[in-house]
PDB file of all heavy atoms in Angstrom:
ATOM      1  N   ARG A   1     -23.608 -18.301 -10.605  1.00  0.00           N
ATOM      2  CA  ARG A   1     -22.521 -17.280 -10.325  1.00  0.00           C
ATOM      3  C   ARG A   1     -23.314 -15.915 -10.054  1.00  0.00           C
ATOM      4  O   ARG A   1     -24.293 -15.528 -10.737  1.00  0.00           O
ATOM      5  CB  ARG A   1     -21.666 -17.008 -11.544  1.00  0.00           C
ATOM      6  CG  ARG A   1     -20.576 -16.128 -11.409  1.00  0.00           C
ATOM      7  CD  ARG A   1     -19.736 -16.077 -12.666  1.00  0.00           C
ATOM      8  NE  ARG A   1     -19.037 -17.312 -12.888  1.00  0.00           N
ATOM      9  CZ  ARG A   1     -17.966 -17.454 -13.783  1.00  0.00           C
ATOM     10  NH1 ARG A   1     -17.453 -16.531 -14.468  1.00  0.00           N
ATOM     11  NH2 ARG A   1     -17.552 -18.773 -14.002  1.00  0.00           N
ATOM     12  N   GLU A   2     -22.812 -15.192  -8.998  1.00  0.00           N
ATOM     13  CA  GLU A   2     -23.470 -14.066  -8.549  1.00  0.00           C
ATOM     14  C   GLU A   2     -22.502 -12.857  -8.499  1.00  0.00           C
ATOM     15  O   GLU A   2     -21.315 -13.138  -8.151  1.00  0.00           O
ATOM     16  CB  GLU A   2     -24.214 -14.217  -7.237  1.00  0.00           C
ATOM     17  CG  GLU A   2     -23.199 -14.559  -6.058  1.00  0.00           C
ATOM     18  CD  GLU A   2     -23.907 -14.694  -4.786  1.00  0.00           C
ATOM     19  OE1 GLU A   2     -25.190 -14.420  -4.641  1.00  0.00           O
ATOM     20  OE2 GLU A   2     -23.261 -15.003  -3.733  1.00  0.00           O
ATOM     21  N   LEU A   3     -23.014 -11.693  -8.670  1.00  0.00           N
ATOM     22  CA  LEU A   3     -22.160 -10.426  -8.501  1.00  0.00           C
ATOM     23  C   LEU A   3     -21.931 -10.269  -7.079  1.00  0.00           C
ATOM     24  O   LEU A   3     -22.845 -10.265  -6.242  1.00  0.00           O
ATOM     25  CB  LEU A   3     -22.885  -9.243  -9.136  1.00  0.00           C
ATOM     26  CG  LEU A   3     -22.154  -7.964  -8.856  1.00  0.00           C
ATOM     27  CD1 LEU A   3     -20.902  -7.882  -9.719  1.00  0.00           C
ATOM     28  CD2 LEU A   3     -23.108  -6.848  -9.392  1.00  0.00           C
ATOM     29  N   VAL A   4     -20.697  -9.956  -6.696  1.00  0.00           N
ATOM     30  CA  VAL A   4     -20.248  -9.498  -5.275  1.00  0.00           C
ATOM     31  C   VAL A   4     -20.161  -8.212  -5.257  1.00  0.00           C
ATOM     32  O   VAL A   4     -20.767  -7.493  -4.252  1.00  0.00           O
ATOM     33  CB  VAL A   4     -18.974 -10.276  -4.850  1.00  0.00           C
ATOM     34  CG1 VAL A   4     -18.547  -9.865  -3.468  1.00  0.00           C
ATOM     35  CG2 VAL A   4     -19.136 -11.850  -4.987  1.00  0.00           C
ATOM     36  N   ALA A   5     -19.350  -7.558  -6.001  1.00  0.00           N
ATOM     37  CA  ALA A   5     -19.174  -6.131  -5.978  1.00  0.00           C
ATOM     38  C   ALA A   5     -18.690  -5.566  -7.276  1.00  0.00           C
ATOM     39  O   ALA A   5     -17.967  -6.415  -8.087  1.00  0.00           O
ATOM     40  CB  ALA A   5     -18.167  -5.730  -4.889  1.00  0.00           C
ATOM     41  N   ALA A   6     -18.926  -4.358  -7.570  1.00  0.00           N
ATOM     42  CA  ALA A   6     -18.444  -3.792  -8.850  1.00  0.00           C
ATOM     43  C   ALA A   6     -18.087  -2.288  -8.520  1.00  0.00           C
ATOM     44  O   ALA A   6     -18.612  -1.631  -7.800  1.00  0.00           O
ATOM     45  CB  ALA A   6     -19.525  -3.832  -9.905  1.00  0.00           C
ATOM     46  N   ILE A   7     -17.088  -1.837  -9.363  1.00  0.00           N
ATOM     47  CA  ILE A   7     -16.626  -0.404  -9.305  1.00  0.00           C
ATOM     48  C   ILE A   7     -16.384   0.156 -10.627  1.00  0.00           C
ATOM     49  O   ILE A   7     -15.383  -0.094 -11.331  1.00  0.00           O
ATOM     50  CB  ILE A   7     -15.357  -0.301  -8.345  1.00  0.00           C
ATOM     51  CG1 ILE A   7     -14.926   1.065  -8.210  1.00  0.00           C
ATOM     52  CG2 ILE A   7     -14.248  -1.257  -8.922  1.00  0.00           C
ATOM     53  CD1 ILE A   7     -13.955   1.332  -7.065  1.00  0.00           C
ATOM     54  N   PRO A   8     -17.318   0.804 -11.166  1.00  0.00           N
ATOM     55  CA  PRO A   8     -17.142   1.570 -12.469  1.00  0.00           C
ATOM     56  C   PRO A   8     -16.144   2.690 -12.336  1.00  0.00           C
ATOM     57  O   PRO A   8     -15.734   3.134 -11.185  1.00  0.00           O
ATOM     58  CB  PRO A   8     -18.553   2.046 -12.850  1.00  0.00           C
ATOM     59  CG  PRO A   8     -19.465   1.345 -11.934  1.00  0.00           C
ATOM     60  CD  PRO A   8     -18.691   1.084 -10.659  1.00  0.00           C
ATOM     61  N   SER A   9     -15.840   3.408 -13.509  1.00  0.00           N
ATOM     62  CA  SER A   9     -14.928   4.464 -13.453  1.00  0.00           C
ATOM     63  C   SER A   9     -15.452   5.722 -12.861  1.00  0.00           C
ATOM     64  O   SER A   9     -14.724   6.533 -12.274  1.00  0.00           O
ATOM     65  CB  SER A   9     -14.464   4.761 -14.873  1.00  0.00           C
ATOM     66  OG  SER A   9     -13.723   3.784 -15.556  1.00  0.00           O
ATOM     67  N   GLY A  10     -16.792   5.766 -12.715  1.00  0.00           N
ATOM     68  CA  GLY A  10     -17.489   6.926 -12.204  1.00  0.00           C
ATOM     69  C   GLY A  10     -17.314   7.128 -10.762  1.00  0.00           C
ATOM     70  O   GLY A  10     -17.627   8.144 -10.210  1.00  0.00           O
ATOM     71  N   GLY A  11     -16.864   6.043 -10.085  1.00  0.00           N
ATOM     72  CA  GLY A  11     -16.539   6.165  -8.576  1.00  0.00           C
ATOM     73  C   GLY A  11     -17.592   5.449  -7.720  1.00  0.00           C
ATOM     74  O   GLY A  11     -17.256   5.236  -6.579  1.00  0.00           O
ATOM     75  N   SER A  12     -18.751   5.145  -8.237  1.00  0.00           N
ATOM     76  CA  SER A  12     -19.746   4.467  -7.477  1.00  0.00           C
ATOM     77  C   SER A  12     -19.394   3.119  -7.273  1.00  0.00           C
ATOM     78  O   SER A  12     -18.626   2.475  -8.032  1.00  0.00           O
ATOM     79  CB  SER A  12     -21.137   4.583  -8.064  1.00  0.00           C
ATOM     80  OG  SER A  12     -21.099   3.979  -9.396  1.00  0.00           O
ATOM     81  N   THR A  13     -19.874   2.414  -6.246  1.00  0.00           N
ATOM     82  CA  THR A  13     -19.647   0.961  -6.027  1.00  0.00           C
ATOM     83  C   THR A  13     -21.007   0.315  -5.881  1.00  0.00           C
ATOM     84  O   THR A  13     -22.020   0.948  -5.446  1.00  0.00           O
ATOM     85  CB  THR A  13     -18.862   0.764  -4.774  1.00  0.00           C
ATOM     86  OG1 THR A  13     -19.356   1.425  -3.631  1.00  0.00           O
ATOM     87  CG2 THR A  13     -17.433   1.264  -4.953  1.00  0.00           C
ATOM     88  N   ASN A  14     -21.092  -0.974  -6.074  1.00  0.00           N
ATOM     89  CA  ASN A  14     -22.236  -1.774  -5.975  1.00  0.00           C
ATOM     90  C   ASN A  14     -21.920  -3.091  -5.306  1.00  0.00           C
ATOM     91  O   ASN A  14     -20.887  -3.702  -5.624  1.00  0.00           O
ATOM     92  CB  ASN A  14     -22.868  -2.040  -7.332  1.00  0.00           C
ATOM     93  CG  ASN A  14     -24.136  -2.766  -7.246  1.00  0.00           C
ATOM     94  OD1 ASN A  14     -24.962  -2.454  -6.399  1.00  0.00           O
ATOM     95  ND2 ASN A  14     -24.464  -3.541  -8.293  1.00  0.00           N
ATOM     96  N   TYR A  15     -22.657  -3.540  -4.276  1.00  0.00           N
ATOM     97  CA  TYR A  15     -22.500  -4.640  -3.447  1.00  0.00           C
ATOM     98  C   TYR A  15     -23.650  -5.534  -3.425  1.00  0.00           C
ATOM     99  O   TYR A  15     -24.858  -5.055  -3.406  1.00  0.00           O
ATOM    100  CB  TYR A  15     -22.000  -4.262  -2.082  1.00  0.00           C
ATOM    101  CG  TYR A  15     -20.715  -3.580  -1.894  1.00  0.00           C
ATOM    102  CD1 TYR A  15     -20.681  -2.180  -1.936  1.00  0.00           C
ATOM    103  CD2 TYR A  15     -19.464  -4.311  -1.949  1.00  0.00           C
ATOM    104  CE1 TYR A  15     -19.446  -1.515  -1.697  1.00  0.00           C
ATOM    105  CE2 TYR A  15     -18.324  -3.655  -1.743  1.00  0.00           C
ATOM    106  CZ  TYR A  15     -18.303  -2.212  -1.752  1.00  0.00           C
ATOM    107  OH  TYR A  15     -17.078  -1.528  -1.598  1.00  0.00           O
ATOM    108  N   ALA A  16     -23.474  -6.805  -3.402  1.00  0.00           N
ATOM    109  CA  ALA A  16     -24.513  -7.790  -3.085  1.00  0.00           C
ATOM    110  C   ALA A  16     -24.949  -7.526  -1.570  1.00  0.00           C
ATOM    111  O   ALA A  16     -24.131  -7.133  -0.764  1.00  0.00           O
ATOM    112  CB  ALA A  16     -24.126  -9.228  -3.252  1.00  0.00           C
ATOM    113  N   ASP A  17     -26.246  -7.588  -1.360  1.00  0.00           N
ATOM    114  CA  ASP A  17     -26.756  -7.429  -0.039  1.00  0.00           C
ATOM    115  C   ASP A  17     -26.020  -8.336   1.039  1.00  0.00           C
ATOM    116  O   ASP A  17     -25.859  -7.933   2.224  1.00  0.00           O
ATOM    117  CB  ASP A  17     -28.246  -7.593   0.029  1.00  0.00           C
ATOM    118  CG  ASP A  17     -29.049  -6.521  -0.651  1.00  0.00           C
ATOM    119  OD1 ASP A  17     -28.530  -5.528  -0.889  1.00  0.00           O
ATOM    120  OD2 ASP A  17     -30.270  -6.805  -1.015  1.00  0.00           O
ATOM    121  N   SER A  18     -25.643  -9.544   0.685  1.00  0.00           N
ATOM    122  CA  SER A  18     -25.105 -10.411   1.584  1.00  0.00           C
ATOM    123  C   SER A  18     -23.690 -10.056   2.080  1.00  0.00           C
ATOM    124  O   SER A  18     -23.190 -10.603   2.996  1.00  0.00           O
ATOM    125  CB  SER A  18     -25.090 -11.857   0.867  1.00  0.00           C
ATOM    126  OG  SER A  18     -24.289 -11.865  -0.338  1.00  0.00           O
ATOM    127  N   VAL A  19     -23.012  -9.154   1.308  1.00  0.00           N
ATOM    128  CA  VAL A  19     -21.687  -8.804   1.666  1.00  0.00           C
ATOM    129  C   VAL A  19     -21.578  -7.339   2.032  1.00  0.00           C
ATOM    130  O   VAL A  19     -20.467  -6.905   2.548  1.00  0.00           O
ATOM    131  CB  VAL A  19     -20.684  -9.096   0.466  1.00  0.00           C
ATOM    132  CG1 VAL A  19     -20.787 -10.574   0.078  1.00  0.00           C
ATOM    133  CG2 VAL A  19     -20.791  -8.155  -0.631  1.00  0.00           C
ATOM    134  N   LYS A  20     -22.511  -6.565   1.918  1.00  0.00           N
ATOM    135  CA  LYS A  20     -22.464  -5.085   2.222  1.00  0.00           C
ATOM    136  C   LYS A  20     -22.141  -5.011   3.584  1.00  0.00           C
ATOM    137  O   LYS A  20     -22.802  -5.485   4.530  1.00  0.00           O
ATOM    138  CB  LYS A  20     -23.800  -4.499   1.844  1.00  0.00           C
ATOM    139  CG  LYS A  20     -23.722  -2.994   1.849  1.00  0.00           C
ATOM    140  CD  LYS A  20     -24.948  -2.408   1.136  1.00  0.00           C
ATOM    141  CE  LYS A  20     -24.845  -0.753   1.088  1.00  0.00           C
ATOM    142  NZ  LYS A  20     -25.991  -0.242   0.402  1.00  0.00           N
ATOM    143  N   GLY A  21     -21.253  -4.024   3.949  1.00  0.00           N
ATOM    144  CA  GLY A  21     -20.818  -3.786   5.318  1.00  0.00           C
ATOM    145  C   GLY A  21     -19.593  -4.634   5.695  1.00  0.00           C
ATOM    146  O   GLY A  21     -18.989  -4.345   6.703  1.00  0.00           O
ATOM    147  N   ARG A  22     -19.389  -5.725   5.007  1.00  0.00           N
ATOM    148  CA  ARG A  22     -18.214  -6.634   5.301  1.00  0.00           C
ATOM    149  C   ARG A  22     -17.098  -6.609   4.157  1.00  0.00           C
ATOM    150  O   ARG A  22     -16.028  -6.670   4.564  1.00  0.00           O
ATOM    151  CB  ARG A  22     -18.688  -8.079   5.422  1.00  0.00           C
ATOM    152  CG  ARG A  22     -19.725  -8.250   6.452  1.00  0.00           C
ATOM    153  CD  ARG A  22     -20.065  -9.743   6.764  1.00  0.00           C
ATOM    154  NE  ARG A  22     -20.584 -10.368   5.606  1.00  0.00           N
ATOM    155  CZ  ARG A  22     -20.141 -11.416   4.832  1.00  0.00           C
ATOM    156  NH1 ARG A  22     -19.030 -11.880   5.283  1.00  0.00           N
ATOM    157  NH2 ARG A  22     -20.821 -11.849   3.895  1.00  0.00           N
ATOM    158  N   PHE A  23     -17.552  -6.410   2.992  1.00  0.00           N
ATOM    159  CA  PHE A  23     -16.571  -6.401   1.857  1.00  0.00           C
ATOM    160  C   PHE A  23     -16.458  -4.938   1.392  1.00  0.00           C
ATOM    161  O   PHE A  23     -17.333  -4.173   1.288  1.00  0.00           O
ATOM    162  CB  PHE A  23     -17.035  -7.286   0.745  1.00  0.00           C
ATOM    163  CG  PHE A  23     -17.063  -8.788   0.966  1.00  0.00           C
ATOM    164  CD1 PHE A  23     -16.814  -9.232   2.299  1.00  0.00           C
ATOM    165  CD2 PHE A  23     -17.244  -9.630  -0.094  1.00  0.00           C
ATOM    166  CE1 PHE A  23     -16.886 -10.650   2.448  1.00  0.00           C
ATOM    167  CE2 PHE A  23     -17.251 -11.014   0.164  1.00  0.00           C
ATOM    168  CZ  PHE A  23     -17.030 -11.549   1.454  1.00  0.00           C
ATOM    169  N   THR A  24     -15.257  -4.706   0.868  1.00  0.00           N
ATOM    170  CA  THR A  24     -14.903  -3.370   0.239  1.00  0.00           C
ATOM    171  C   THR A  24     -14.170  -3.618  -1.027  1.00  0.00           C
ATOM    172  O   THR A  24     -13.112  -4.288  -1.063  1.00  0.00           O
ATOM    173  CB  THR A  24     -14.111  -2.557   1.236  1.00  0.00           C
ATOM    174  OG1 THR A  24     -14.815  -2.281   2.382  1.00  0.00           O
ATOM    175  CG2 THR A  24     -13.963  -1.217   0.441  1.00  0.00           C
ATOM    176  N   ILE A  25     -14.660  -3.101  -2.209  1.00  0.00           N
ATOM    177  CA  ILE A  25     -14.044  -3.129  -3.420  1.00  0.00           C
ATOM    178  C   ILE A  25     -13.359  -1.778  -3.652  1.00  0.00           C
ATOM    179  O   ILE A  25     -13.795  -0.662  -3.285  1.00  0.00           O
ATOM    180  CB  ILE A  25     -15.000  -3.360  -4.573  1.00  0.00           C
ATOM    181  CG1 ILE A  25     -14.309  -3.600  -5.917  1.00  0.00           C
ATOM    182  CG2 ILE A  25     -16.068  -2.328  -4.798  1.00  0.00           C
ATOM    183  CD1 ILE A  25     -15.072  -4.307  -6.986  1.00  0.00           C
ATOM    184  N   SER A  26     -11.984  -1.811  -4.233  1.00  0.00           N
ATOM    185  CA  SER A  26     -11.311  -0.680  -4.512  1.00  0.00           C
ATOM    186  C   SER A  26     -10.565  -0.939  -5.705  1.00  0.00           C
ATOM    187  O   SER A  26     -10.457  -2.024  -6.284  1.00  0.00           O
ATOM    188  CB  SER A  26     -10.407  -0.216  -3.335  1.00  0.00           C
ATOM    189  OG  SER A  26      -9.384  -1.344  -3.057  1.00  0.00           O
ATOM    190  N   ARG A  27      -9.984   0.140  -6.337  1.00  0.00           N
ATOM    191  CA  ARG A  27      -9.350   0.006  -7.667  1.00  0.00           C
ATOM    192  C   ARG A  27      -8.139   1.036  -7.666  1.00  0.00           C
ATOM    193  O   ARG A  27      -8.149   2.103  -7.158  1.00  0.00           O
ATOM    194  CB  ARG A  27     -10.323   0.462  -8.721  1.00  0.00           C
ATOM    195  CG  ARG A  27      -9.950   0.374 -10.135  1.00  0.00           C
ATOM    196  CD  ARG A  27     -11.150   0.827 -11.007  1.00  0.00           C
ATOM    197  NE  ARG A  27     -10.834   0.926 -12.351  1.00  0.00           N
ATOM    198  CZ  ARG A  27     -11.612   1.234 -13.312  1.00  0.00           C
ATOM    199  NH1 ARG A  27     -13.016   1.289 -13.082  1.00  0.00           N
ATOM    200  NH2 ARG A  27     -11.273   1.440 -14.496  1.00  0.00           N
ATOM    201  N   ASP A  28      -7.073   0.505  -8.224  1.00  0.00           N
ATOM    202  CA  ASP A  28      -5.866   1.234  -8.535  1.00  0.00           C
ATOM    203  C   ASP A  28      -5.607   1.296 -10.058  1.00  0.00           C
ATOM    204  O   ASP A  28      -5.159   0.383 -10.658  1.00  0.00           O
ATOM    205  CB  ASP A  28      -4.634   0.601  -7.791  1.00  0.00           C
ATOM    206  CG  ASP A  28      -3.389   1.425  -7.901  1.00  0.00           C
ATOM    207  OD1 ASP A  28      -3.225   2.161  -8.894  1.00  0.00           O
ATOM    208  OD2 ASP A  28      -2.471   1.251  -7.081  1.00  0.00           O
ATOM    209  N   ASN A  29      -6.013   2.515 -10.558  1.00  0.00           N
ATOM    210  CA  ASN A  29      -6.006   2.587 -11.982  1.00  0.00           C
ATOM    211  C   ASN A  29      -4.629   2.557 -12.611  1.00  0.00           C
ATOM    212  O   ASN A  29      -4.363   2.102 -13.647  1.00  0.00           O
ATOM    213  CB  ASN A  29      -6.671   3.993 -12.401  1.00  0.00           C
ATOM    214  CG  ASN A  29      -8.193   3.930 -12.170  1.00  0.00           C
ATOM    215  OD1 ASN A  29      -8.790   2.917 -12.212  1.00  0.00           O
ATOM    216  ND2 ASN A  29      -8.698   5.181 -11.885  1.00  0.00           N
ATOM    217  N   ALA A  30      -3.550   3.074 -11.862  1.00  0.00           N
ATOM    218  CA  ALA A  30      -2.296   3.108 -12.231  1.00  0.00           C
ATOM    219  C   ALA A  30      -1.739   1.669 -12.543  1.00  0.00           C
ATOM    220  O   ALA A  30      -0.734   1.389 -13.324  1.00  0.00           O
ATOM    221  CB  ALA A  30      -1.315   3.874 -11.336  1.00  0.00           C
ATOM    222  N   LYS A  31      -2.256   0.693 -11.670  1.00  0.00           N
ATOM    223  CA  LYS A  31      -1.704  -0.610 -11.751  1.00  0.00           C
ATOM    224  C   LYS A  31      -2.744  -1.617 -12.431  1.00  0.00           C
ATOM    225  O   LYS A  31      -2.460  -2.724 -12.532  1.00  0.00           O
ATOM    226  CB  LYS A  31      -1.530  -1.120 -10.261  1.00  0.00           C
ATOM    227  CG  LYS A  31      -0.452  -0.489  -9.501  1.00  0.00           C
ATOM    228  CD  LYS A  31      -0.225  -0.979  -8.118  1.00  0.00           C
ATOM    229  CE  LYS A  31       0.790  -0.400  -7.365  1.00  0.00           C
ATOM    230  NZ  LYS A  31       1.055  -0.992  -6.033  1.00  0.00           N
ATOM    231  N   ASN A  32      -3.865  -1.001 -12.947  1.00  0.00           N
ATOM    232  CA  ASN A  32      -4.882  -1.757 -13.601  1.00  0.00           C
ATOM    233  C   ASN A  32      -5.232  -2.921 -12.736  1.00  0.00           C
ATOM    234  O   ASN A  32      -5.422  -4.093 -13.137  1.00  0.00           O
ATOM    235  CB  ASN A  32      -4.438  -2.235 -14.902  1.00  0.00           C
ATOM    236  CG  ASN A  32      -4.248  -1.185 -15.983  1.00  0.00           C
ATOM    237  OD1 ASN A  32      -5.086  -0.155 -15.957  1.00  0.00           O
ATOM    238  ND2 ASN A  32      -3.363  -1.294 -16.869  1.00  0.00           N
ATOM    239  N   THR A  33      -5.567  -2.648 -11.435  1.00  0.00           N
ATOM    240  CA  THR A  33      -5.779  -3.644 -10.492  1.00  0.00           C
ATOM    241  C   THR A  33      -7.016  -3.377  -9.610  1.00  0.00           C
ATOM    242  O   THR A  33      -7.227  -2.147  -9.335  1.00  0.00           O
ATOM    243  CB  THR A  33      -4.611  -3.875  -9.502  1.00  0.00           C
ATOM    244  OG1 THR A  33      -3.473  -4.286 -10.245  1.00  0.00           O
ATOM    245  CG2 THR A  33      -4.870  -4.830  -8.410  1.00  0.00           C
ATOM    246  N   VAL A  34      -7.850  -4.302  -9.395  1.00  0.00           N
ATOM    247  CA  VAL A  34      -8.942  -4.320  -8.507  1.00  0.00           C
ATOM    248  C   VAL A  34      -8.748  -5.125  -7.285  1.00  0.00           C
ATOM    249  O   VAL A  34      -8.229  -6.249  -7.356  1.00  0.00           O
ATOM    250  CB  VAL A  34     -10.189  -4.550  -9.211  1.00  0.00           C
ATOM    251  CG1 VAL A  34     -10.269  -5.959  -9.648  1.00  0.00           C
ATOM    252  CG2 VAL A  34     -11.494  -4.227  -8.362  1.00  0.00           C
ATOM    253  N   TYR A  35      -9.163  -4.663  -6.187  1.00  0.00           N
ATOM    254  CA  TYR A  35      -9.087  -5.427  -4.853  1.00  0.00           C
ATOM    255  C   TYR A  35     -10.442  -5.744  -4.223  1.00  0.00           C
ATOM    256  O   TYR A  35     -11.466  -5.047  -4.451  1.00  0.00           O
ATOM    257  CB  TYR A  35      -8.199  -4.693  -3.857  1.00  0.00           C
ATOM    258  CG  TYR A  35      -6.870  -4.178  -4.439  1.00  0.00           C
ATOM    259  CD1 TYR A  35      -6.679  -2.888  -4.960  1.00  0.00           C
ATOM    260  CD2 TYR A  35      -5.747  -4.996  -4.328  1.00  0.00           C
ATOM    261  CE1 TYR A  35      -5.495  -2.488  -5.383  1.00  0.00           C
ATOM    262  CE2 TYR A  35      -4.495  -4.661  -4.839  1.00  0.00           C
ATOM    263  CZ  TYR A  35      -4.412  -3.377  -5.390  1.00  0.00           C
ATOM    264  OH  TYR A  35      -3.174  -2.976  -5.922  1.00  0.00           O
ATOM    265  N   LEU A  36     -10.453  -6.720  -3.442  1.00  0.00           N
ATOM    266  CA  LEU A  36     -11.685  -6.985  -2.659  1.00  0.00           C
ATOM    267  C   LEU A  36     -11.161  -7.405  -1.302  1.00  0.00           C
ATOM    268  O   LEU A  36     -10.697  -8.475  -1.056  1.00  0.00           O
ATOM    269  CB  LEU A  36     -12.482  -8.143  -3.258  1.00  0.00           C
ATOM    270  CG  LEU A  36     -13.787  -8.480  -2.576  1.00  0.00           C
ATOM    271  CD1 LEU A  36     -14.782  -7.398  -2.812  1.00  0.00           C
ATOM    272  CD2 LEU A  36     -14.415  -9.715  -3.087  1.00  0.00           C
ATOM    273  N   GLN A  37     -11.380  -6.332  -0.399  1.00  0.00           N
ATOM    274  CA  GLN A  37     -11.100  -6.635   1.110  1.00  0.00           C
ATOM    275  C   GLN A  37     -12.359  -7.371   1.699  1.00  0.00           C
ATOM    276  O   GLN A  37     -13.451  -6.794   1.668  1.00  0.00           O
ATOM    277  CB  GLN A  37     -10.748  -5.305   1.705  1.00  0.00           C
ATOM    278  CG  GLN A  37     -10.531  -5.496   3.261  1.00  0.00           C
ATOM    279  CD  GLN A  37      -9.241  -6.257   3.544  1.00  0.00           C
ATOM    280  OE1 GLN A  37      -8.258  -5.956   2.986  1.00  0.00           O
ATOM    281  NE2 GLN A  37      -9.252  -7.250   4.424  1.00  0.00           N
ATOM    282  N   MET A  38     -12.109  -8.494   2.168  1.00  0.00           N
ATOM    283  CA  MET A  38     -13.250  -9.364   2.714  1.00  0.00           C
ATOM    284  C   MET A  38     -12.981  -9.482   4.314  1.00  0.00           C
ATOM    285  O   MET A  38     -11.923 -10.090   4.629  1.00  0.00           O
ATOM    286  CB  MET A  38     -13.310 -10.653   2.147  1.00  0.00           C
ATOM    287  CG  MET A  38     -13.476 -10.669   0.557  1.00  0.00           C
ATOM    288  SD  MET A  38     -13.718 -12.218  -0.168  1.00  0.00           S
ATOM    289  CE  MET A  38     -12.134 -13.021   0.162  1.00  0.00           C
ATOM    290  N   ASN A  39     -13.900  -8.904   5.072  1.00  0.00           N
ATOM    291  CA  ASN A  39     -13.695  -9.004   6.549  1.00  0.00           C
ATOM    292  C   ASN A  39     -14.918  -9.779   7.024  1.00  0.00           C
ATOM    293  O   ASN A  39     -15.955  -9.912   6.382  1.00  0.00           O
ATOM    294  CB  ASN A  39     -13.762  -7.611   7.109  1.00  0.00           C
ATOM    295  CG  ASN A  39     -12.497  -6.826   6.731  1.00  0.00           C
ATOM    296  OD1 ASN A  39     -11.389  -7.406   6.464  1.00  0.00           O
ATOM    297  ND2 ASN A  39     -12.731  -5.476   6.580  1.00  0.00           N
ATOM    298  N   SER A  40     -14.812 -10.219   8.311  1.00  0.00           N
ATOM    299  CA  SER A  40     -15.954 -10.939   8.977  1.00  0.00           C
ATOM    300  C   SER A  40     -16.402 -12.133   8.115  1.00  0.00           C
ATOM    301  O   SER A  40     -17.620 -12.224   7.862  1.00  0.00           O
ATOM    302  CB  SER A  40     -17.068  -9.963   9.430  1.00  0.00           C
ATOM    303  OG  SER A  40     -16.532  -8.940  10.171  1.00  0.00           O
ATOM    304  N   LEU A  41     -15.541 -12.877   7.589  1.00  0.00           N
ATOM    305  CA  LEU A  41     -15.919 -13.873   6.564  1.00  0.00           C
ATOM    306  C   LEU A  41     -16.824 -14.973   7.270  1.00  0.00           C
ATOM    307  O   LEU A  41     -16.669 -15.282   8.545  1.00  0.00           O
ATOM    308  CB  LEU A  41     -14.744 -14.609   5.945  1.00  0.00           C
ATOM    309  CG  LEU A  41     -14.035 -13.741   4.843  1.00  0.00           C
ATOM    310  CD1 LEU A  41     -12.583 -14.150   4.646  1.00  0.00           C
ATOM    311  CD2 LEU A  41     -14.888 -13.763   3.610  1.00  0.00           C
ATOM    312  N   LYS A  42     -17.784 -15.448   6.538  1.00  0.00           N
ATOM    313  CA  LYS A  42     -18.620 -16.527   6.942  1.00  0.00           C
ATOM    314  C   LYS A  42     -18.569 -17.740   6.092  1.00  0.00           C
ATOM    315  O   LYS A  42     -18.110 -17.644   4.969  1.00  0.00           O
ATOM    316  CB  LYS A  42     -20.148 -16.049   6.846  1.00  0.00           C
ATOM    317  CG  LYS A  42     -20.436 -14.737   7.590  1.00  0.00           C
ATOM    318  CD  LYS A  42     -21.845 -14.229   7.296  1.00  0.00           C
ATOM    319  CE  LYS A  42     -22.132 -12.962   8.049  1.00  0.00           C
ATOM    320  NZ  LYS A  42     -23.518 -12.460   7.772  1.00  0.00           N
ATOM    321  N   PRO A  43     -18.900 -18.925   6.588  1.00  0.00           N
ATOM    322  CA  PRO A  43     -18.827 -20.174   5.776  1.00  0.00           C
ATOM    323  C   PRO A  43     -19.565 -19.979   4.417  1.00  0.00           C
ATOM    324  O   PRO A  43     -19.174 -20.543   3.427  1.00  0.00           O
ATOM    325  CB  PRO A  43     -19.408 -21.205   6.728  1.00  0.00           C
ATOM    326  CG  PRO A  43     -19.105 -20.720   8.086  1.00  0.00           C
ATOM    327  CD  PRO A  43     -19.212 -19.256   7.985  1.00  0.00           C
TER     328      PRO A  43
END
């Protein structure tokens, strides 16, 4: 199991090198929800 992306409360984000530039993590605090937008997907 590997980390793909993380978003702490401080606003910084962290991505695995393999997904950087293709995936975007975001957070909606009011909904207690985190999202992962995945573009240019590969097998």
